[in-house]
Amino acid sequence: MNISYRKAQKEDADLLVQIYNAAFYDDYIRYGECPAYGRTRERMEKSLEKFPKDIICYEGSAVGVISVEDKGNGEYYLGCLCIMPQYQGKGIGTQAIDYMLDSHPDWNKITLITPIDKEENVSFYTKKCGFKIDGSQIDGNVRLAHFVMERT
């Protein structure tokens, strides 16, 4: 499988919006809201300034994004891991998690949130990636699960 990663630049804002919209459209329809769906170019550019993003390329095409925030002291927040629907189920997300871990060798703790009723996400993060659910919260009309992975 030919997967590569490249740092997203401001010039990639339109591409990032396209990837996010494709990846999060179903969430927007399902919940009636999704903070990652429908971003403007300007909002994506601002997000890039604060949260670095890597574009995931499969067979030379941009198919996803991974965004990791360094919280300091080996703690990271996985703000986004999205793969366009037609490329899901090919192991790209699992390899992106491995890439993230390799890219941050000082990691001690990684956290993320995702809707708790999205069984495919819960299964992916717990069974394939080794995260554990350590709590939940309500955001709007969506119940979110808090995931954590800690190095032992």
Protein backbone atom coordinates (compact mmCIF):
# COMPACT_ATOMS: atom_id res chain seq x y z
CA MET A 1 0.00 0.00 0.00
CA ASN A 2 1.51 3.30 -1.09
CA ILE A 3 0.66 5.83 1.64
CA SER A 4 2.52 9.09 2.20
CA TYR A 5 2.04 12.20 4.31
CA ARG A 6 2.80 15.84 3.73
CA LYS A 7 2.45 18.88 5.93
CA ALA A 8 -0.55 20.94 4.92
CA GLN A 9 0.18 24.53 3.97
CA LYS A 10 -2.09 27.57 3.77
CA GLU A 11 -2.35 26.95 0.02
CA ASP A 12 -3.98 23.59 0.80
CA ALA A 13 -7.00 25.16 2.53
CA ASP A 14 -9.42 24.45 -0.34
CA LEU A 15 -8.21 20.84 -0.59
CA LEU A 16 -8.59 20.40 3.17
CA VAL A 17 -12.14 21.75 3.03
CA GLN A 18 -12.96 19.25 0.26
CA ILE A 19 -11.52 16.33 2.25
CA TYR A 20 -13.26 17.37 5.49
CA ASN A 21 -16.59 17.87 3.70
CA ALA A 22 -16.39 14.45 2.05
CA ALA A 23 -15.33 12.72 5.29
CA PHE A 24 -17.81 14.48 7.61
CA TYR A 25 -20.87 14.82 5.37
CA ASP A 26 -22.52 11.73 6.88
CA ASP A 27 -21.99 13.12 10.40
CA TYR A 28 -23.56 16.42 9.36
CA ILE A 29 -26.60 14.58 7.96
CA ARG A 30 -26.81 12.20 10.93
CA TYR A 31 -26.54 14.80 13.70
CA GLY A 32 -27.71 17.95 11.93
CA GLU A 33 -24.40 19.54 12.86
CA CYS A 34 -20.70 18.80 12.61
CA PRO A 35 -17.96 21.31 13.43
CA ALA A 36 -15.63 19.80 10.82
CA TYR A 37 -18.17 20.04 7.98
CA GLY A 38 -18.84 23.17 5.93
CA ARG A 39 -15.79 25.19 6.94
CA THR A 40 -14.85 28.18 4.86
CA ARG A 41 -11.41 28.54 3.31
CA GLU A 42 -10.67 31.35 5.77
CA ARG A 43 -11.67 29.24 8.77
CA MET A 44 -9.51 26.36 7.54
CA GLU A 45 -6.54 28.73 7.10
CA LYS A 46 -6.98 29.89 10.72
CA SER A 47 -7.22 26.27 11.88
CA LEU A 48 -3.96 25.49 10.06
CA GLU A 49 -2.20 28.28 11.98
CA LYS A 50 -3.18 26.77 15.32
CA PHE A 51 -3.41 23.04 14.58
CA PRO A 52 -0.86 21.48 12.21
CA LYS A 53 -2.32 19.04 9.73
CA ASP A 54 -0.82 16.32 7.57
CA ILE A 55 -2.49 15.39 4.31
CA ILE A 56 -2.72 11.63 3.86
CA CYS A 57 -2.02 10.51 0.29
CA TYR A 58 -2.91 7.07 -1.06
CA GLU A 59 -1.54 6.02 -4.43
CA GLY A 60 -0.63 9.70 -5.02
CA SER A 61 -4.09 11.15 -4.26
CA ALA A 62 -5.03 13.20 -1.19
CA VAL A 63 -7.57 11.04 0.68
CA GLY A 64 -7.48 12.17 4.30
CA VAL A 65 -6.10 14.38 7.04
CA ILE A 66 -4.58 13.84 10.45
CA SER A 67 -4.22 16.73 12.87
CA VAL A 68 -2.39 16.44 16.19
CA GLU A 69 -2.04 19.15 18.82
CA ASP A 70 1.00 19.09 21.10
CA LYS A 71 -0.29 19.79 24.62
CA GLY A 72 3.20 19.56 26.13
CA ASN A 73 4.97 17.04 28.35
CA GLY A 74 4.34 14.17 25.91
CA GLU A 75 0.58 14.69 25.77
CA TYR A 76 -1.09 15.02 22.38
CA TYR A 77 -4.64 15.61 21.27
CA LEU A 78 -5.78 13.93 18.06
CA GLY A 79 -8.05 16.68 16.77
CA CYS A 80 -8.86 15.03 13.48
CA LEU A 81 -8.33 11.79 11.64
CA CYS A 82 -10.54 11.67 8.59
CA ILE A 83 -10.48 9.53 5.48
CA MET A 84 -12.76 10.14 2.51
CA PRO A 85 -15.51 7.46 2.48
CA GLN A 86 -14.41 5.73 -0.71
CA TYR A 87 -10.98 5.06 0.86
CA GLN A 88 -12.17 3.85 4.27
CA GLY A 89 -11.66 0.21 5.21
CA LYS A 90 -8.29 -0.06 3.46
CA GLY A 91 -6.08 0.32 6.55
CA ILE A 92 -5.23 3.96 5.84
CA GLY A 93 -6.52 5.19 9.20
CA THR A 94 -4.62 2.53 11.12
CA GLN A 95 -1.42 3.43 9.30
CA ALA A 96 -2.09 7.12 10.01
CA ILE A 97 -2.23 6.34 13.75
CA ASP A 98 1.09 4.49 13.45
CA TYR A 99 2.51 7.48 11.57
CA MET A 100 1.33 9.81 14.34
CA LEU A 101 2.95 7.67 17.04
CA ASP A 102 6.22 7.47 15.07
CA SER A 103 6.15 11.23 14.42
CA HIS A 104 5.81 11.98 18.14
CA PRO A 105 8.23 9.56 19.80
CA ASP A 106 7.97 11.43 23.11
CA TRP A 107 4.25 10.66 23.45
CA ASN A 108 3.03 9.51 26.84
CA LYS A 109 -0.67 10.19 26.43
CA ILE A 110 -2.94 10.71 23.44
CA THR A 111 -6.55 11.82 23.73
CA LEU A 112 -9.40 12.34 21.29
CA ILE A 113 -13.18 12.63 21.17
CA THR A 114 -15.70 11.17 18.72
CA PRO A 115 -19.46 10.50 18.78
CA ILE A 116 -20.06 7.53 21.04
CA ASP A 117 -22.84 6.11 18.87
CA LYS A 118 -20.56 5.81 15.82
CA GLU A 119 -19.79 2.15 16.36
CA GLU A 120 -17.25 2.02 13.54
CA ASN A 121 -15.21 4.82 15.18
CA VAL A 122 -15.43 3.30 18.65
CA SER A 123 -14.37 -0.09 17.28
CA PHE A 124 -11.53 1.43 15.24
CA TYR A 125 -10.02 3.37 18.14
CA THR A 126 -10.48 0.67 20.79
CA LYS A 127 -9.90 -2.57 18.88
CA LYS A 128 -7.45 -1.52 16.17
CA CYS A 129 -5.57 1.31 17.84
CA GLY A 130 -5.55 0.49 21.56
CA PHE A 131 -7.46 3.48 22.96
CA LYS A 132 -9.77 3.20 25.95
CA ILE A 133 -12.92 5.20 26.63
CA ASP A 134 -12.45 7.25 29.79
CA GLY A 135 -15.59 9.36 29.84
CA SER A 136 -18.22 11.15 27.80
CA GLN A 137 -19.95 14.48 27.40
CA ILE A 138 -22.83 16.03 25.49
CA ASP A 139 -22.02 18.66 22.86
CA GLY A 140 -25.19 20.09 21.32
CA ASN A 141 -27.25 17.02 20.51
CA VAL A 142 -24.28 14.66 20.22
CA ARG A 143 -22.88 12.43 22.97
CA LEU A 144 -19.10 12.31 22.63
CA ALA A 145 -16.78 9.64 23.98
CA HIS A 146 -13.41 10.64 25.41
CA PHE A 147 -10.64 8.27 24.35
CA VAL A 148 -7.19 7.93 25.85
CA MET A 149 -4.10 5.91 25.09
CA GLU A 150 -1.26 6.01 27.60
CA ARG A 151 2.20 4.58 27.30
CA THR A 152 3.01 2.17 30.09
